[in-house]
C-alpha atoms as a PDB file:
ATOM      1  CA  MET A   1     -96.832  63.249  74.723  1.00  0.00           C
ATOM      2  CA  ALA A   2    -100.412  62.638  75.798  1.00  0.00           C
ATOM      3  CA  ALA A   3    -101.932  59.175  75.615  1.00  0.00           C
ATOM      4  CA  ALA A   4    -104.265  60.327  72.827  1.00  0.00           C
ATOM      5  CA  ASP A   5    -101.240  61.456  70.801  1.00  0.00           C
ATOM      6  CA  ILE A   6     -99.606  58.045  71.230  1.00  0.00           C
ATOM      7  CA  VAL A   7    -102.765  56.305  70.036  1.00  0.00           C
ATOM      8  CA  SER A   8    -102.814  58.624  67.026  1.00  0.00           C
ATOM      9  CA  VAL A   9     -99.210  57.761  66.171  1.00  0.00           C
ATOM     10  CA  TYR A  10    -100.002  54.052  66.504  1.00  0.00           C
ATOM     11  CA  ASP A  11    -103.018  54.493  64.250  1.00  0.00           C
ATOM     12  CA  GLU A  12    -100.900  56.286  61.644  1.00  0.00           C
ATOM     13  CA  PHE A  13     -98.365  53.459  61.750  1.00  0.00           C
ATOM     14  CA  LEU A  14    -101.057  50.806  61.496  1.00  0.00           C
ATOM     15  CA  GLU A  15    -102.693  52.606  58.580  1.00  0.00           C
ATOM     16  CA  TYR A  16     -99.304  52.721  56.853  1.00  0.00           C
ATOM     17  CA  LEU A  17     -98.770  48.993  57.372  1.00  0.00           C
ATOM     18  CA  ALA A  18    -102.290  48.225  56.225  1.00  0.00           C
ATOM     19  CA  ARG A  19    -101.637  50.135  52.973  1.00  0.00           C
ATOM     20  CA  GLN A  20     -98.287  48.421  52.358  1.00  0.00           C
ATOM     21  CA  ALA A  21     -99.396  44.804  52.652  1.00  0.00           C
ATOM     22  CA  ARG A  22    -102.365  42.985  51.232  1.00  0.00           C
ATOM     23  CA  PRO A  23    -105.055  42.347  53.857  1.00  0.00           C
ATOM     24  CA  GLU A  24    -104.547  38.594  53.465  1.00  0.00           C
ATOM     25  CA  GLN A  25    -100.864  38.963  54.365  1.00  0.00           C
ATOM     26  CA  ILE A  26    -101.696  40.914  57.498  1.00  0.00           C
ATOM     27  CA  LEU A  27    -104.438  38.495  58.520  1.00  0.00           C
ATOM     28  CA  ALA A  28    -102.082  35.529  58.035  1.00  0.00           C
ATOM     29  CA  PHE A  29     -99.523  36.868  60.517  1.00  0.00           C
ATOM     30  CA  HIS A  30     -99.166  35.009  63.782  1.00  0.00           C
ATOM     31  CA  ALA A  31     -96.480  34.761  66.422  1.00  0.00           C
ATOM     32  CA  SER A  32     -93.971  31.952  66.241  1.00  0.00           C
ATOM     33  CA  GLU A  33     -94.466  28.864  68.386  1.00  0.00           C
ATOM     34  CA  ALA A  34     -91.506  29.932  70.530  1.00  0.00           C
ATOM     35  CA  ALA A  35     -93.017  33.376  71.125  1.00  0.00           C
ATOM     36  CA  GLN A  36     -96.388  31.828  71.989  1.00  0.00           C
ATOM     37  CA  ARG A  37     -94.751  29.396  74.425  1.00  0.00           C
ATOM     38  CA  ARG A  38     -92.925  32.290  76.103  1.00  0.00           C
ATOM     39  CA  ALA A  39     -96.143  34.298  76.377  1.00  0.00           C
ATOM     40  CA  ASP A  40     -97.918  31.283  77.879  1.00  0.00           C
ATOM     41  CA  GLU A  41     -95.071  30.749  80.349  1.00  0.00           C
ATOM     42  CA  LEU A  42     -95.100  34.388  81.437  1.00  0.00           C
ATOM     43  CA  THR A  43     -98.887  34.354  81.746  1.00  0.00           C
ATOM     44  CA  GLU A  44     -98.754  31.289  83.999  1.00  0.00           C
ATOM     45  CA  ARG A  45     -95.976  32.808  86.112  1.00  0.00           C
ATOM     46  CA  ASN A  46     -98.031  35.990  86.380  1.00  0.00           C
ATOM     47  CA  LYS A  47    -101.113  34.059  87.540  1.00  0.00           C
ATOM     48  CA  ALA A  48     -98.938  32.371  90.172  1.00  0.00           C
ATOM     49  CA  GLY A  49     -97.542  35.735  91.288  1.00  0.00           C
ATOM     50  CA  LYS A  50     -93.995  34.694  90.413  1.00  0.00           C
ATOM     51  CA  LEU A  51     -92.978  37.226  87.739  1.00  0.00           C
ATOM     52  CA  THR A  52     -89.789  39.198  88.152  1.00  0.00           C
ATOM     53  CA  ASP A  53     -89.885  42.893  87.268  1.00  0.00           C
ATOM     54  CA  GLU A  54     -88.119  42.100  83.983  1.00  0.00           C
ATOM     55  CA  GLU A  55     -90.613  39.355  83.153  1.00  0.00           C
ATOM     56  CA  ALA A  56     -93.533  41.652  83.987  1.00  0.00           C
ATOM     57  CA  ALA A  57     -92.116  44.252  81.587  1.00  0.00           C
ATOM     58  CA  GLU A  58     -91.632  41.561  78.922  1.00  0.00           C
ATOM     59  CA  LEU A  59     -95.222  40.359  79.343  1.00  0.00           C
ATOM     60  CA  GLU A  60     -96.567  43.910  79.163  1.00  0.00           C
ATOM     61  CA  GLN A  61     -94.585  44.493  75.967  1.00  0.00           C
ATOM     62  CA  MET A  62     -96.043  41.305  74.486  1.00  0.00           C
ATOM     63  CA  LEU A  63     -99.553  42.408  75.429  1.00  0.00           C
ATOM     64  CA  GLN A  64     -99.049  45.825  73.844  1.00  0.00           C
ATOM     65  CA  PHE A  65     -97.744  44.198  70.667  1.00  0.00           C
ATOM     66  CA  ASN A  66    -100.727  41.853  70.620  1.00  0.00           C
ATOM     67  CA  ARG A  67    -103.134  44.790  70.919  1.00  0.00           C
ATOM     68  CA  MET A  68    -101.348  46.567  68.072  1.00  0.00           C
ATOM     69  CA  VAL A  69    -101.486  43.484  65.819  1.00  0.00           C
ATOM     70  CA  SER A  70    -105.176  43.033  66.657  1.00  0.00           C
ATOM     71  CA  ARG A  71    -105.887  46.616  65.623  1.00  0.00           C
ATOM     72  CA  LEU A  72    -103.887  46.148  62.424  1.00  0.00           C
ATOM     73  CA  LYS A  73    -105.827  42.983  61.602  1.00  0.00           C
ATOM     74  CA  ALA A  74    -109.107  44.817  62.215  1.00  0.00           C
ATOM     75  CA  LYS A  75    -107.997  47.497  59.755  1.00  0.00           C
ATOM     76  CA  ALA A  76    -107.024  44.797  57.249  1.00  0.00           C
ATOM     77  CA  MET A  77    -110.440  43.151  57.591  1.00  0.00           C
ATOM     78  CA  LYS A  78    -112.116  46.502  56.988  1.00  0.00           C
ATOM     79  CA  ALA A  79    -109.900  47.150  53.954  1.00  0.00           C
ATOM     80  CA  ARG A  80    -110.645  43.692  52.556  1.00  0.00           C
ATOM     81  CA  HIS A  81    -114.390  44.296  52.796  1.00  0.00           C
ATOM     82  CA  HIS A  82    -114.076  47.692  51.071  1.00  0.00           C
ATOM     83  CA  SER A  83    -112.104  46.405  48.083  1.00  0.00           C
END
């Protein structure tokens, strides 16, 4: 699957989520304090060059999720302004 196809699938999924929840619900989502602490810890370990391969994969997964949530929130903002 080409990268463009993956982006398209993500966009379809995000559009689906944006249609299923009210924009305010999507915009109110945020990671738990525990998840934020873990992300901060991994980021600091990464800056120090001390990440294991597993931690690097975990951090990358968190970053991908964050990008996806950001895109979903952007779609929710757009939907809120068009309603």
